[in-house]
Amino acid sequence: MDKLLIEGGVRLVGETTISGAKNAALPLLCAALLTREPLTLTNVPSLNDVDTMLKLLEQMGVRVSRQQDVMADGLPSLTLTLDASGLNNPVAPYELVKTMRASILVLGPLLARCAEAKVSLPGGCAIGARPVDQHIKGLTAMGAEITVEHGYVQAHSVQQRLQGARLFTDMVTVTGTENLMMAACLAEGETVIENAAREPEIVDLANCLVAMGAQISGAGTDVIRIRGVAALHGATHRIMPDRIETGTYLCAAAVTGGQIRLNDTSSAYLDAVIDKLMDAGCEIQCERNAITLKAPPRLTAVSLRTAPYPAFPTDMQAQFMAINCVAEGTAIIRETIFENRFMHAVELIRLGADIQIDGNTAVVKGVDQLQGATVMATDLRASASLVIAGLVAQGETLIERIYHLDRGYEHLDRKLGALGARVRRLR
């Protein structure tokens, strides 16, 4: 199992290119199930989760063509064309979905296209309960009969097509909104999703579906309306930049007192993150397709509270905990989305951080220096926080179980190395 060895104490300086968004790519791959015509996606990130999703789609009968190009900075860029005209096996087996929460996103498209589906209950990061009950509730209201037996969601449409309905989710759910939105594209009549998630990745998915012939309005608000059509056609779509990868590199530069430029990204989806970095003392300039950050010698501690978009993202909480570990002052961090998302705190304490946990609240007192040590990644964003801490720690930090990182960060060691970090992958 790969490990990451980081020798800390180096300022990050230079520029790098941000990859396509993992959280946009996965539902977009599932959107290919909705049409018999090819769907071409550009700016696809090369990640373990993407590979897993492609294997899942291929065993359903989807043909996948890959084209690898090279970007200006020498990093590869992936284009995929997916042809689901031969879709013949609407099953998502446990062996392929046990490591990836997003696998549930095949449920809605399969029901809409095939009128049946059998999908294993998914796995993923152990950061807290993420039940699929809202997915099931919405699809049932659209005319599906669904049972959960032996670890599988088994569903079929009572009529040949799902039926439009008025749906209200009891909680804001990103994957639930995406699943119901895709299912509604081929349903008969109008579907209204209330209390919908507003994340930019949902807007990206809606833009692709509209390019395929769907009739969708309201994406990016809490009420989305979809008028079903008889069939969707093929399209070409460029995946949006990864806002969480962008925020992670901004934090890495900030904690090291660095100065970096991130290309092929946008600040439009990062207002809450950029505001907190500026509160911490960073100078940030935002262009149409780039962000530049210049950090002070030492950051000022910033408190935060996670909440659904457009508030501060839970996927950036761990990274900010890491920078607060060496900031001037004390920060209070409240996690309101997932109940187990402070597991990285124990590993940060191994590096010398001063963190006290009380339920969903963490109190982080900045220390003058972290010390390198061996730590273990527990989930995707926790892994990123340990990388950030390792970059500023004195001596060497060895991060074990970095397969989590490879699920969500494309070429992390190469990108950090180009910015001057002393990072080595140990195989």
Protein backbone atom coordinates (compact mmCIF):
# COMPACT_ATOMS: atom_id res chain seq x y z
CA MET A 1 0.00 0.00 0.00
CA ASP A 2 1.45 3.39 -1.01
CA LYS A 3 2.63 5.93 1.53
CA LEU A 4 3.57 9.60 1.24
CA LEU A 5 6.79 10.96 2.75
CA ILE A 6 6.90 14.71 3.26
CA GLU A 7 9.88 16.76 4.45
CA GLY A 8 8.35 19.95 5.85
CA GLY A 9 9.50 23.52 6.09
CA VAL A 10 9.44 24.57 2.41
CA ARG A 11 7.39 27.51 1.07
CA LEU A 12 5.15 26.60 -1.84
CA VAL A 13 5.93 28.90 -4.77
CA GLY A 14 4.87 28.74 -8.42
CA GLU A 15 1.77 27.68 -10.33
CA THR A 16 -0.21 24.56 -11.09
CA THR A 17 -3.36 23.53 -12.94
CA ILE A 18 -6.53 22.45 -11.14
CA SER A 19 -8.16 19.22 -12.31
CA GLY A 20 -11.78 18.54 -13.16
CA ALA A 21 -14.04 18.10 -10.16
CA LYS A 22 -14.42 14.58 -8.76
CA ASN A 23 -17.83 15.42 -7.30
CA ALA A 24 -19.01 16.61 -10.72
CA ALA A 25 -17.39 13.82 -12.75
CA LEU A 26 -19.07 10.91 -10.94
CA PRO A 27 -22.71 11.94 -11.54
CA LEU A 28 -21.82 13.02 -15.09
CA LEU A 29 -20.50 9.53 -15.82
CA CYS A 30 -23.81 8.12 -14.59
CA ALA A 31 -25.71 10.52 -16.87
CA ALA A 32 -24.41 8.47 -19.82
CA LEU A 33 -26.85 5.73 -18.77
CA LEU A 34 -29.76 7.98 -19.76
CA THR A 35 -29.12 7.90 -23.52
CA ARG A 36 -28.40 5.45 -26.31
CA GLU A 37 -26.09 7.99 -27.95
CA PRO A 38 -22.44 8.70 -26.98
CA LEU A 39 -21.68 11.21 -24.22
CA THR A 40 -18.22 12.79 -24.36
CA LEU A 41 -16.72 14.30 -21.21
CA THR A 42 -13.54 16.39 -21.23
CA ASN A 43 -11.37 17.53 -18.30
CA VAL A 44 -12.00 14.21 -16.54
CA PRO A 45 -9.78 13.74 -13.46
CA SER A 46 -7.69 10.54 -13.31
CA LEU A 47 -8.80 9.26 -9.91
CA ASN A 48 -9.47 5.91 -8.30
CA ASP A 49 -13.15 6.78 -7.85
CA VAL A 50 -13.46 7.58 -11.55
CA ASP A 51 -11.79 4.27 -12.43
CA THR A 52 -14.20 2.42 -10.13
CA MET A 53 -17.22 4.13 -11.66
CA LEU A 54 -16.01 3.27 -15.17
CA LYS A 55 -15.60 -0.40 -14.22
CA LEU A 56 -19.12 -0.32 -12.80
CA LEU A 57 -20.56 1.17 -15.99
CA GLU A 58 -18.59 -1.20 -18.25
CA GLN A 59 -19.98 -4.29 -16.50
CA MET A 60 -23.45 -2.88 -17.20
CA GLY A 61 -22.69 -2.89 -20.93
CA VAL A 62 -21.41 0.68 -21.40
CA ARG A 63 -18.54 1.05 -23.88
CA VAL A 64 -15.84 3.47 -22.74
CA SER A 65 -13.28 5.14 -25.03
CA ARG A 66 -10.34 6.99 -23.47
CA GLN A 67 -8.20 9.74 -25.01
CA GLN A 68 -5.20 11.06 -23.09
CA ASP A 69 -3.77 14.49 -23.93
CA VAL A 70 -1.00 16.51 -22.28
CA MET A 71 -1.65 19.94 -20.77
CA ALA A 72 0.71 22.91 -20.92
CA ASP A 73 2.30 22.02 -17.56
CA GLY A 74 3.02 18.45 -18.68
CA LEU A 75 0.23 16.78 -16.72
CA PRO A 76 -2.17 14.46 -18.58
CA SER A 77 -5.72 15.46 -19.46
CA LEU A 78 -8.36 12.76 -19.94
CA THR A 79 -11.31 12.72 -22.36
CA LEU A 80 -13.91 9.96 -22.11
CA THR A 81 -16.64 8.92 -24.53
CA LEU A 82 -19.32 6.67 -23.06
CA ASP A 83 -21.73 4.70 -25.24
CA ALA A 84 -24.60 3.10 -23.30
CA SER A 85 -26.50 1.85 -26.36
CA GLY A 86 -25.63 -1.71 -25.29
CA LEU A 87 -26.78 -1.31 -21.67
CA ASN A 88 -27.93 -4.82 -20.68
CA ASN A 89 -27.14 -5.41 -17.00
CA PRO A 90 -28.77 -2.86 -14.62
CA VAL A 91 -26.89 -4.21 -11.59
CA ALA A 92 -24.29 -2.53 -9.37
CA PRO A 93 -22.56 -5.34 -7.41
CA TYR A 94 -21.09 -4.93 -3.94
CA GLU A 95 -17.57 -5.77 -5.15
CA LEU A 96 -17.50 -2.60 -7.26
CA VAL A 97 -19.34 -0.15 -5.01
CA LYS A 98 -18.08 -1.02 -1.54
CA THR A 99 -15.44 1.75 -1.56
CA MET A 100 -17.44 4.51 -3.23
CA ARG A 101 -20.48 6.35 -1.93
CA ALA A 102 -21.29 7.88 -5.34
CA SER A 103 -22.19 4.47 -6.78
CA ILE A 104 -25.78 5.06 -5.62
CA LEU A 105 -25.99 7.60 -8.48
CA VAL A 106 -26.66 4.80 -10.98
CA LEU A 107 -30.01 4.03 -9.31
CA GLY A 108 -32.03 6.90 -10.77
CA PRO A 109 -30.68 6.68 -14.35
CA LEU A 110 -31.12 2.87 -14.45
CA LEU A 111 -34.73 3.11 -13.26
CA ALA A 112 -35.46 5.85 -15.81
CA ARG A 113 -33.84 4.03 -18.72
CA CYS A 114 -34.44 0.33 -17.93
CA ALA A 115 -37.42 0.52 -15.52
CA GLU A 116 -35.40 -1.67 -13.10
CA ALA A 117 -32.21 -1.62 -11.06
CA LYS A 118 -30.36 -3.63 -8.44
CA VAL A 119 -27.77 -1.55 -6.60
CA SER A 120 -25.66 -2.55 -3.62
CA LEU A 121 -25.77 -0.23 -0.65
CA PRO A 122 -22.59 1.81 -1.08
CA GLY A 123 -19.47 2.34 1.03
CA GLY A 124 -16.94 5.20 1.00
CA CYS A 125 -15.32 7.34 3.67
CA ALA A 126 -16.29 6.53 7.27
CA ILE A 127 -17.17 10.13 8.12
CA GLY A 128 -20.72 9.57 9.27
CA ALA A 129 -24.18 8.34 8.31
CA ARG A 130 -25.22 9.15 4.76
CA PRO A 131 -28.43 7.17 4.32
CA VAL A 132 -30.08 6.59 0.93
CA ASP A 133 -33.59 6.94 2.31
CA GLN A 134 -34.15 10.28 0.54
CA HIS A 135 -33.25 8.69 -2.80
CA ILE A 136 -35.71 5.85 -2.15
CA LYS A 137 -38.44 8.19 -0.91
CA GLY A 138 -38.23 10.35 -4.03
CA LEU A 139 -38.10 7.48 -6.53
CA THR A 140 -41.02 5.79 -4.79
CA ALA A 141 -43.07 8.97 -5.20
CA MET A 142 -42.24 8.79 -8.93
CA GLY A 143 -43.81 5.35 -9.23
CA ALA A 144 -41.00 2.94 -8.35
CA GLU A 145 -41.42 -0.08 -6.10
CA ILE A 146 -38.28 -0.42 -3.99
CA THR A 147 -37.14 -2.94 -1.39
CA VAL A 148 -33.84 -3.24 0.46
CA GLU A 149 -32.85 -6.88 0.87
CA HIS A 150 -29.52 -8.58 1.60
CA GLY A 151 -27.61 -5.32 1.24
CA TYR A 152 -29.13 -4.39 -2.14
CA VAL A 153 -31.61 -1.74 -3.23
CA GLN A 154 -33.94 -3.56 -5.65
CA ALA A 155 -36.21 -1.35 -7.69
CA HIS A 156 -38.55 -1.47 -10.64
CA SER A 157 -40.95 0.99 -12.18
CA VAL A 158 -44.62 0.02 -11.88
CA GLN A 159 -45.33 1.69 -15.22
CA GLN A 160 -42.95 1.65 -18.19
CA ARG A 161 -41.88 5.21 -17.40
CA LEU A 162 -41.43 6.90 -14.05
CA GLN A 163 -44.03 9.57 -13.34
CA GLY A 164 -43.38 13.22 -12.56
CA ALA A 165 -44.06 14.18 -8.95
CA ARG A 166 -43.57 16.89 -6.37
CA LEU A 167 -40.65 15.82 -4.19
CA PHE A 168 -39.50 17.26 -0.87
CA THR A 169 -36.31 15.97 0.71
CA ASP A 170 -36.26 15.91 4.51
CA MET A 171 -32.62 16.98 4.45
CA VAL A 172 -30.41 18.71 1.90
CA THR A 173 -28.70 15.88 0.01
CA VAL A 174 -26.37 16.42 -2.95
CA THR A 175 -26.39 12.87 -4.33
CA GLY A 176 -30.11 12.60 -3.62
CA THR A 177 -30.80 15.76 -5.65
CA GLU A 178 -28.61 14.47 -8.49
CA ASN A 179 -30.22 11.03 -8.53
CA LEU A 180 -33.77 12.40 -8.59
CA MET A 181 -32.89 15.03 -11.19
CA MET A 182 -31.46 12.41 -13.57
CA ALA A 183 -34.42 10.07 -13.04
CA ALA A 184 -36.88 12.90 -13.72
CA CYS A 185 -35.32 13.70 -17.11
CA LEU A 186 -37.04 10.66 -18.67
CA ALA A 187 -40.13 10.61 -16.44
CA GLU A 188 -43.59 11.38 -17.79
CA GLY A 189 -44.71 14.87 -16.80
CA GLU A 190 -43.13 17.48 -14.53
CA THR A 191 -41.06 16.79 -11.43
CA VAL A 192 -40.40 19.47 -8.82
CA ILE A 193 -37.60 18.89 -6.29
CA GLU A 194 -37.97 21.09 -3.21
CA ASN A 195 -35.27 21.61 -0.59
CA ALA A 196 -32.81 20.70 -3.37
CA ALA A 197 -29.07 20.97 -2.82
CA ARG A 198 -27.52 24.05 -4.46
CA GLU A 199 -23.93 22.92 -5.01
CA PRO A 200 -22.13 24.03 -8.21
CA GLU A 201 -21.67 20.36 -9.16
CA ILE A 202 -25.46 20.07 -9.45
CA VAL A 203 -25.49 23.04 -11.82
CA ASP A 204 -22.72 21.36 -13.86
CA LEU A 205 -24.77 18.17 -14.09
CA ALA A 206 -27.87 20.14 -15.10
CA ASN A 207 -25.92 21.95 -17.82
CA CYS A 208 -24.79 18.62 -19.27
CA LEU A 209 -28.30 17.14 -19.11
CA VAL A 210 -29.72 20.21 -20.86
CA ALA A 211 -27.09 19.79 -23.58
CA MET A 212 -28.42 16.21 -23.92
CA GLY A 213 -31.97 17.51 -24.44
CA ALA A 214 -33.35 17.61 -20.90
CA GLN A 215 -35.69 20.39 -19.78
CA ILE A 216 -34.42 21.64 -16.42
CA SER A 217 -34.80 24.98 -14.64
CA GLY A 218 -33.81 26.18 -11.18
CA ALA A 219 -30.54 24.23 -10.76
CA GLY A 220 -28.47 26.11 -8.18
CA THR A 221 -31.59 27.07 -6.20
CA ASP A 222 -33.56 25.06 -3.65
CA VAL A 223 -36.38 24.36 -6.14
CA ILE A 224 -35.55 22.47 -9.36
CA ARG A 225 -38.15 21.79 -12.06
CA ILE A 226 -37.71 19.05 -14.65
CA ARG A 227 -40.14 18.32 -17.48
CA GLY A 228 -39.52 14.79 -18.66
CA VAL A 229 -38.77 13.98 -22.30
CA ALA A 230 -39.09 10.71 -24.20
CA ALA A 231 -35.36 10.38 -24.88
CA LEU A 232 -32.05 12.18 -24.44
CA HIS A 233 -29.35 12.44 -27.09
CA GLY A 234 -25.57 12.56 -26.99
CA ALA A 235 -23.50 15.64 -26.16
CA THR A 236 -20.02 16.91 -25.30
CA HIS A 237 -19.42 18.53 -21.91
CA ARG A 238 -16.37 19.90 -20.09
CA ILE A 239 -16.29 19.06 -16.38
CA MET A 240 -16.02 22.06 -14.05
CA PRO A 241 -12.82 22.67 -12.04
CA ASP A 242 -12.53 21.02 -8.63
CA ARG A 243 -13.32 23.66 -6.01
CA ILE A 244 -12.17 21.43 -3.14
CA GLU A 245 -8.82 20.73 -4.80
CA THR A 246 -8.51 24.47 -5.37
CA GLY A 247 -9.20 25.21 -1.72
CA THR A 248 -6.76 22.50 -0.60
CA TYR A 249 -3.85 23.98 -2.58
CA LEU A 250 -4.71 27.47 -1.33
CA CYS A 251 -4.50 26.15 2.25
CA ALA A 252 -1.21 24.38 1.53
CA ALA A 253 0.33 27.58 0.21
CA ALA A 254 -1.14 29.62 3.06
CA VAL A 255 0.24 27.41 5.83
CA THR A 256 3.76 27.43 4.33
CA GLY A 257 3.86 31.22 3.88
CA GLY A 258 3.91 30.64 0.13
CA GLN A 259 2.82 32.38 -3.04
CA ILE A 260 1.05 30.39 -5.77
CA ARG A 261 -1.13 30.77 -8.83
CA LEU A 262 -3.80 28.17 -9.60
CA ASN A 263 -4.88 27.95 -13.25
CA ASP A 264 -8.06 26.59 -14.87
CA THR A 265 -10.16 27.28 -11.80
CA SER A 266 -12.60 29.88 -10.53
CA SER A 267 -13.32 31.71 -7.29
CA ALA A 268 -17.03 31.77 -8.17
CA TYR A 269 -17.68 28.61 -6.13
CA LEU A 270 -15.32 29.40 -3.26
CA ASP A 271 -16.56 32.61 -1.63
CA ALA A 272 -16.74 31.15 1.90
CA VAL A 273 -13.27 29.58 1.64
CA ILE A 274 -11.61 32.65 0.16
CA ASP A 275 -13.20 34.91 2.77
CA LYS A 276 -11.73 32.76 5.56
CA LEU A 277 -8.26 32.73 3.95
CA MET A 278 -8.36 36.52 3.70
CA ASP A 279 -9.43 36.70 7.35
CA ALA A 280 -6.36 34.56 8.11
CA GLY A 281 -4.15 37.24 6.52
CA CYS A 282 -3.71 36.04 2.92
CA GLU A 283 -3.73 38.33 -0.10
CA ILE A 284 -5.87 36.81 -2.85
CA GLN A 285 -6.45 37.96 -6.41
CA CYS A 286 -9.19 36.34 -8.47
CA GLU A 287 -9.22 36.31 -12.26
CA ARG A 288 -11.69 34.72 -14.63
CA ASN A 289 -9.83 31.38 -14.78
CA ALA A 290 -7.14 31.71 -12.11
CA ILE A 291 -6.55 32.49 -8.43
CA THR A 292 -3.34 33.91 -6.93
CA LEU A 293 -2.54 33.72 -3.20
CA LYS A 294 0.24 35.38 -1.19
CA ALA A 295 0.47 34.29 2.44
CA PRO A 296 1.80 36.19 5.48
CA PRO A 297 4.71 34.79 7.54
CA ARG A 298 2.14 33.43 10.03
CA LEU A 299 -1.60 33.02 9.64
CA THR A 300 -4.25 34.30 12.05
CA ALA A 301 -6.61 31.66 13.46
CA VAL A 302 -10.08 31.62 11.88
CA SER A 303 -13.21 30.04 13.33
CA LEU A 304 -15.78 28.41 11.06
CA ARG A 305 -19.02 26.45 10.91
CA THR A 306 -19.78 24.01 8.13
CA ALA A 307 -23.15 24.06 6.39
CA PRO A 308 -24.62 23.25 2.96
CA TYR A 309 -23.56 25.38 -0.02
CA PRO A 310 -23.11 28.34 -0.31
CA ALA A 311 -21.91 28.28 3.32
CA PHE A 312 -18.51 26.89 4.35
CA PRO A 313 -18.08 23.37 2.84
CA THR A 314 -17.61 20.36 5.09
CA ASP A 315 -15.06 19.08 2.55
CA MET A 316 -12.73 21.99 3.53
CA GLN A 317 -13.10 21.66 7.32
CA ALA A 318 -10.14 19.31 7.80
CA GLN A 319 -7.80 21.48 5.71
CA PHE A 320 -8.66 24.55 7.80
CA MET A 321 -8.15 22.62 11.00
CA ALA A 322 -4.62 21.89 9.77
CA ILE A 323 -3.76 25.52 9.06
CA ASN A 324 -5.27 26.61 12.38
CA CYS A 325 -2.88 24.23 14.14
CA VAL A 326 0.01 26.66 13.50
CA ALA A 327 -1.94 29.93 13.26
CA GLU A 328 -1.75 32.78 15.77
CA GLY A 329 -4.60 32.45 18.27
CA THR A 330 -7.45 30.01 18.89
CA ALA A 331 -10.08 28.81 16.42
CA ILE A 332 -13.44 27.15 17.08
CA ILE A 333 -14.62 24.75 14.36
CA ARG A 334 -18.19 23.44 14.31
CA GLU A 335 -19.05 20.51 12.03
CA THR A 336 -22.77 20.32 11.28
CA ILE A 337 -22.88 17.92 8.30
CA PHE A 338 -21.17 14.66 9.36
CA GLU A 339 -20.89 13.38 12.92
CA ASN A 340 -17.57 11.53 12.47
CA ARG A 341 -15.61 14.15 10.62
CA PHE A 342 -13.01 14.98 13.29
CA MET A 343 -11.06 11.72 12.98
CA HIS A 344 -8.08 13.62 11.55
CA ALA A 345 -7.76 15.57 14.82
CA VAL A 346 -6.15 12.58 16.57
CA GLU A 347 -3.53 12.32 13.82
CA LEU A 348 -2.85 16.06 13.88
CA ILE A 349 -2.30 15.79 17.64
CA ARG A 350 0.41 13.20 16.88
CA LEU A 351 2.19 15.97 14.99
CA GLY A 352 2.02 18.25 18.02
CA ALA A 353 -1.26 20.09 17.46
CA ASP A 354 -3.30 21.40 20.41
CA ILE A 355 -6.89 20.31 19.68
CA GLN A 356 -9.78 19.65 22.04
CA ILE A 357 -12.90 17.88 20.73
CA ASP A 358 -16.34 18.19 22.33
CA GLY A 359 -19.07 16.57 20.23
CA ASN A 360 -19.30 18.44 16.94
CA THR A 361 -17.00 21.26 18.10
CA ALA A 362 -13.20 21.44 17.96
CA VAL A 363 -11.10 24.06 19.74
CA VAL A 364 -7.74 24.51 18.01
CA LYS A 365 -5.00 26.51 19.71
CA GLY A 366 -2.17 27.45 17.39
CA VAL A 367 1.31 26.19 18.29
CA ASP A 368 4.66 27.56 17.13
CA GLN A 369 5.78 24.36 15.41
CA LEU A 370 4.48 20.94 14.42
CA GLN A 371 6.81 17.93 14.51
CA GLY A 372 6.99 15.29 11.80
CA ALA A 373 5.71 11.81 12.68
CA THR A 374 4.00 8.77 11.17
CA VAL A 375 0.26 9.32 10.76
CA MET A 376 -2.62 7.42 9.16
CA ALA A 377 -5.24 8.79 6.78
CA THR A 378 -8.81 7.92 7.79
CA ASP A 379 -10.77 9.48 4.92
CA LEU A 380 -10.29 11.58 1.81
CA ARG A 381 -10.26 15.10 3.24
CA ALA A 382 -8.53 13.96 6.44
CA SER A 383 -5.70 12.81 4.16
CA ALA A 384 -5.45 16.31 2.71
CA SER A 385 -5.24 17.85 6.18
CA LEU A 386 -2.31 15.58 7.05
CA VAL A 387 -0.52 16.58 3.86
CA ILE A 388 -0.98 20.26 4.72
CA ALA A 389 0.28 19.69 8.27
CA GLY A 390 3.24 17.68 6.97
CA LEU A 391 4.26 20.51 4.64
CA VAL A 392 4.76 22.84 7.61
CA ALA A 393 5.96 20.32 10.22
CA GLN A 394 9.61 20.13 11.23
CA GLY A 395 11.29 17.00 9.91
CA GLU A 396 9.66 14.12 8.04
CA THR A 397 6.00 13.13 8.08
CA LEU A 398 4.99 9.71 6.78
CA ILE A 399 1.32 9.40 5.79
CA GLU A 400 -0.02 5.85 5.56
CA ARG A 401 -3.12 4.61 3.71
CA ILE A 402 -2.99 7.32 1.04
CA TYR A 403 -5.35 5.39 -1.22
CA HIS A 404 -7.89 7.84 0.19
CA LEU A 405 -5.92 10.69 -1.42
CA ASP A 406 -5.88 8.90 -4.76
CA ARG A 407 -9.68 8.75 -4.67
CA GLY A 408 -9.96 12.55 -4.80
CA TYR A 409 -6.68 14.30 -5.71
CA GLU A 410 -5.15 13.89 -9.16
CA HIS A 411 -1.30 13.75 -9.27
CA LEU A 412 -1.04 15.32 -5.78
CA ASP A 413 2.63 14.47 -5.26
CA ARG A 414 3.59 15.74 -8.73
CA LYS A 415 1.68 18.99 -8.35
CA LEU A 416 3.11 19.70 -4.90
CA GLY A 417 6.59 18.84 -6.16
CA ALA A 418 6.22 21.39 -8.97
CA LEU A 419 5.46 24.01 -6.29
CA GLY A 420 8.69 23.17 -4.46
CA ALA A 421 7.43 20.71 -1.83
CA ARG A 422 9.68 17.80 -0.85
CA VAL A 423 7.19 14.96 -1.34
CA ARG A 424 7.88 11.34 -2.26
CA ARG A 425 5.47 8.49 -2.89
CA LEU A 426 6.70 5.22 -1.38
CA ARG A 427 5.30 2.16 -3.14
